[in-house]
């Protein structure tokens, strides 16, 4: 169980890093997007923001679980 949690934490950490970078790039490009694509671009930013938040919450919960297990072992 702990190994699968460690693997999931590592996967989430990498995915969060990629999503943050993507969000940063898309935010910088927001003003350079043609008007015809602006709504789609903003929608993509909102979708990435939501997904990033969900991943960060899951990552936090996995960290809390690990800390609780470590405290039980002491």
N, C-alpha and C. Protein backbone atom coordinates (compact mmCIF):
# COMPACT_ATOMS: atom_id res chain seq x y z
N UNK A 1 0.83 -1.19 0.00
CA UNK A 1 0.00 0.00 0.00
C UNK A 1 0.87 1.25 0.00
N UNK A 2 1.88 1.26 0.85
CA UNK A 2 2.73 2.43 0.94
C UNK A 2 3.50 2.64 -0.37
N UNK A 3 3.92 1.54 -1.00
CA UNK A 3 4.65 1.67 -2.27
C UNK A 3 3.75 2.25 -3.36
N UNK A 4 2.50 1.82 -3.39
CA UNK A 4 1.59 2.36 -4.40
C UNK A 4 1.30 3.84 -4.13
N UNK A 5 1.24 4.21 -2.85
CA UNK A 5 1.03 5.61 -2.51
C UNK A 5 2.25 6.43 -2.91
N UNK A 6 3.43 5.88 -2.68
CA UNK A 6 4.66 6.59 -3.07
C UNK A 6 4.71 6.78 -4.58
N UNK A 7 4.32 5.76 -5.32
CA UNK A 7 4.30 5.85 -6.78
C UNK A 7 3.29 6.91 -7.22
N UNK A 8 2.10 6.88 -6.63
CA UNK A 8 1.07 7.85 -6.99
C UNK A 8 1.52 9.27 -6.65
N UNK A 9 2.17 9.45 -5.51
CA UNK A 9 2.68 10.77 -5.13
C UNK A 9 3.71 11.27 -6.15
N UNK A 10 4.59 10.37 -6.58
CA UNK A 10 5.61 10.76 -7.56
C UNK A 10 4.96 11.13 -8.89
N UNK A 11 3.96 10.34 -9.30
CA UNK A 11 3.25 10.64 -10.54
C UNK A 11 2.53 11.98 -10.44
N UNK A 12 1.87 12.21 -9.31
CA UNK A 12 1.15 13.47 -9.12
C UNK A 12 2.11 14.65 -9.10
N UNK A 13 3.23 14.50 -8.42
CA UNK A 13 4.20 15.60 -8.34
C UNK A 13 4.65 16.01 -9.75
N UNK A 14 4.93 15.03 -10.58
CA UNK A 14 5.37 15.32 -11.95
C UNK A 14 4.23 15.94 -12.76
N UNK A 15 3.03 15.40 -12.62
CA UNK A 15 1.88 15.92 -13.36
C UNK A 15 1.56 17.35 -12.92
N UNK A 16 1.65 17.62 -11.64
CA UNK A 16 1.40 18.97 -11.13
C UNK A 16 2.42 19.95 -11.71
N UNK A 17 3.66 19.53 -11.75
CA UNK A 17 4.71 20.38 -12.33
C UNK A 17 4.41 20.71 -13.79
N UNK A 18 4.01 19.70 -14.56
CA UNK A 18 3.69 19.92 -15.98
C UNK A 18 2.47 20.84 -16.14
N UNK A 19 1.44 20.60 -15.33
CA UNK A 19 0.22 21.40 -15.44
C UNK A 19 0.48 22.86 -15.04
N UNK A 20 1.29 23.06 -14.02
CA UNK A 20 1.63 24.44 -13.62
C UNK A 20 2.37 25.16 -14.75
N UNK A 21 3.29 24.45 -15.38
CA UNK A 21 4.04 25.05 -16.50
C UNK A 21 3.09 25.38 -17.65
N UNK A 22 2.23 24.43 -17.99
CA UNK A 22 1.27 24.65 -19.07
C UNK A 22 0.36 25.83 -18.75
N UNK A 23 -0.12 25.90 -17.53
CA UNK A 23 -0.99 27.00 -17.12
C UNK A 23 -0.25 28.34 -17.22
N UNK A 24 1.00 28.35 -16.82
CA UNK A 24 1.80 29.57 -16.90
C UNK A 24 1.96 30.03 -18.35
N UNK A 25 2.29 29.10 -19.22
CA UNK A 25 2.48 29.42 -20.64
C UNK A 25 1.17 29.92 -21.25
N UNK A 26 0.08 29.23 -20.93
CA UNK A 26 -1.21 29.63 -21.50
C UNK A 26 -1.66 31.00 -20.98
N UNK A 27 -1.35 31.28 -19.73
CA UNK A 27 -1.69 32.59 -19.16
C UNK A 27 -0.88 33.69 -19.84
N UNK A 28 0.39 33.41 -20.09
CA UNK A 28 1.22 34.41 -20.79
C UNK A 28 0.73 34.64 -22.21
N UNK A 29 0.23 33.60 -22.85
CA UNK A 29 -0.21 33.70 -24.25
C UNK A 29 -1.63 34.25 -24.38
N UNK A 30 -2.30 34.44 -23.27
CA UNK A 30 -3.71 34.85 -23.29
C UNK A 30 -3.94 36.11 -24.12
N UNK A 31 -3.05 37.08 -24.02
CA UNK A 31 -3.23 38.34 -24.74
C UNK A 31 -2.83 38.24 -26.21
N UNK A 32 -2.18 37.17 -26.58
CA UNK A 32 -1.71 37.01 -27.96
C UNK A 32 -2.62 36.11 -28.79
N UNK A 33 -3.66 35.58 -28.17
CA UNK A 33 -4.58 34.69 -28.87
C UNK A 33 -5.55 35.53 -29.70
N UNK A 34 -5.81 35.12 -30.93
CA UNK A 34 -6.79 35.85 -31.76
C UNK A 34 -8.17 35.85 -31.09
N UNK A 35 -8.92 36.89 -31.33
CA UNK A 35 -10.25 37.04 -30.73
C UNK A 35 -11.14 35.83 -30.99
N UNK A 36 -11.03 35.25 -32.17
CA UNK A 36 -11.88 34.12 -32.52
C UNK A 36 -11.60 32.89 -31.65
N UNK A 37 -10.43 32.81 -31.04
CA UNK A 37 -10.06 31.67 -30.20
C UNK A 37 -9.99 32.00 -28.72
N UNK A 38 -10.25 33.25 -28.38
CA UNK A 38 -10.08 33.70 -27.00
C UNK A 38 -10.97 32.95 -26.01
N UNK A 39 -12.24 32.73 -26.37
CA UNK A 39 -13.14 32.02 -25.46
C UNK A 39 -12.67 30.59 -25.21
N UNK A 40 -12.24 29.92 -26.27
CA UNK A 40 -11.73 28.55 -26.14
C UNK A 40 -10.47 28.53 -25.27
N UNK A 41 -9.60 29.50 -25.48
CA UNK A 41 -8.35 29.58 -24.73
C UNK A 41 -8.63 29.80 -23.24
N UNK A 42 -9.53 30.71 -22.95
CA UNK A 42 -9.88 30.99 -21.55
C UNK A 42 -10.54 29.76 -20.93
N UNK A 43 -11.36 29.06 -21.68
CA UNK A 43 -11.97 27.83 -21.19
C UNK A 43 -10.93 26.77 -20.87
N UNK A 44 -9.91 26.68 -21.71
CA UNK A 44 -8.82 25.73 -21.47
C UNK A 44 -8.06 26.09 -20.20
N UNK A 45 -7.83 27.37 -20.00
CA UNK A 45 -7.14 27.82 -18.78
C UNK A 45 -7.96 27.45 -17.55
N UNK A 46 -9.26 27.66 -17.61
CA UNK A 46 -10.12 27.31 -16.48
C UNK A 46 -10.13 25.81 -16.22
N UNK A 47 -10.15 25.03 -17.29
CA UNK A 47 -10.14 23.57 -17.15
C UNK A 47 -8.83 23.08 -16.53
N UNK A 48 -7.72 23.64 -16.98
CA UNK A 48 -6.42 23.26 -16.43
C UNK A 48 -6.33 23.67 -14.96
N UNK A 49 -6.84 24.85 -14.64
CA UNK A 49 -6.83 25.32 -13.26
C UNK A 49 -7.61 24.36 -12.36
N UNK A 50 -8.77 23.94 -12.82
CA UNK A 50 -9.60 23.01 -12.05
C UNK A 50 -8.89 21.67 -11.87
N UNK A 51 -8.32 21.14 -12.94
CA UNK A 51 -7.61 19.87 -12.89
C UNK A 51 -6.41 19.96 -11.96
N UNK A 52 -5.68 21.06 -12.04
CA UNK A 52 -4.51 21.27 -11.19
C UNK A 52 -4.93 21.30 -9.72
N UNK A 53 -6.02 21.97 -9.43
CA UNK A 53 -6.50 22.03 -8.05
C UNK A 53 -6.85 20.63 -7.54
N UNK A 54 -7.52 19.84 -8.36
CA UNK A 54 -7.90 18.48 -7.96
C UNK A 54 -6.66 17.63 -7.69
N UNK A 55 -5.64 17.76 -8.53
CA UNK A 55 -4.41 17.00 -8.33
C UNK A 55 -3.70 17.44 -7.05
N UNK A 56 -3.69 18.74 -6.78
CA UNK A 56 -3.03 19.25 -5.58
C UNK A 56 -3.75 18.77 -4.32
N UNK A 57 -5.07 18.70 -4.36
CA UNK A 57 -5.84 18.19 -3.22
C UNK A 57 -5.51 16.72 -2.99
N UNK A 58 -5.48 15.92 -4.06
CA UNK A 58 -5.14 14.50 -3.92
C UNK A 58 -3.72 14.33 -3.38
N UNK A 59 -2.79 15.12 -3.88
CA UNK A 59 -1.40 15.06 -3.42
C UNK A 59 -1.33 15.39 -1.93
N UNK A 60 -2.05 16.40 -1.51
CA UNK A 60 -2.09 16.78 -0.10
C UNK A 60 -2.64 15.65 0.76
N UNK A 61 -3.73 15.03 0.30
CA UNK A 61 -4.33 13.93 1.06
C UNK A 61 -3.37 12.75 1.19
N UNK A 62 -2.63 12.45 0.13
CA UNK A 62 -1.65 11.37 0.20
C UNK A 62 -0.54 11.71 1.19
N UNK A 63 -0.12 12.96 1.22
CA UNK A 63 0.89 13.39 2.18
C UNK A 63 0.39 13.27 3.61
N UNK A 64 -0.86 13.65 3.84
CA UNK A 64 -1.45 13.56 5.18
C UNK A 64 -1.52 12.10 5.61
N UNK A 65 -1.94 11.22 4.71
CA UNK A 65 -2.00 9.79 5.04
C UNK A 65 -0.63 9.26 5.43
N UNK A 66 0.38 9.65 4.69
CA UNK A 66 1.72 9.18 4.99
C UNK A 66 2.18 9.68 6.35
N UNK A 67 1.94 10.93 6.64
CA UNK A 67 2.34 11.49 7.93
C UNK A 67 1.62 10.78 9.06
N UNK A 68 0.33 10.52 8.91
CA UNK A 68 -0.43 9.80 9.95
C UNK A 68 0.14 8.41 10.18
N UNK A 69 0.48 7.71 9.11
CA UNK A 69 1.06 6.37 9.27
C UNK A 69 2.41 6.42 9.94
N UNK A 70 3.21 7.41 9.60
CA UNK A 70 4.51 7.55 10.24
C UNK A 70 4.36 7.86 11.71
N UNK A 71 3.37 8.66 12.09
CA UNK A 71 3.16 8.98 13.50
C UNK A 71 2.65 7.77 14.28
N UNK A 72 1.86 6.91 13.63
CA UNK A 72 1.40 5.69 14.29
C UNK A 72 2.55 4.75 14.57
N UNK A 73 3.56 4.76 13.70
CA UNK A 73 4.70 3.88 13.86
C UNK A 73 5.65 4.29 14.95
N UNK A 74 5.55 5.53 15.42
CA UNK A 74 6.48 6.03 16.45
C UNK A 74 6.11 5.56 17.83
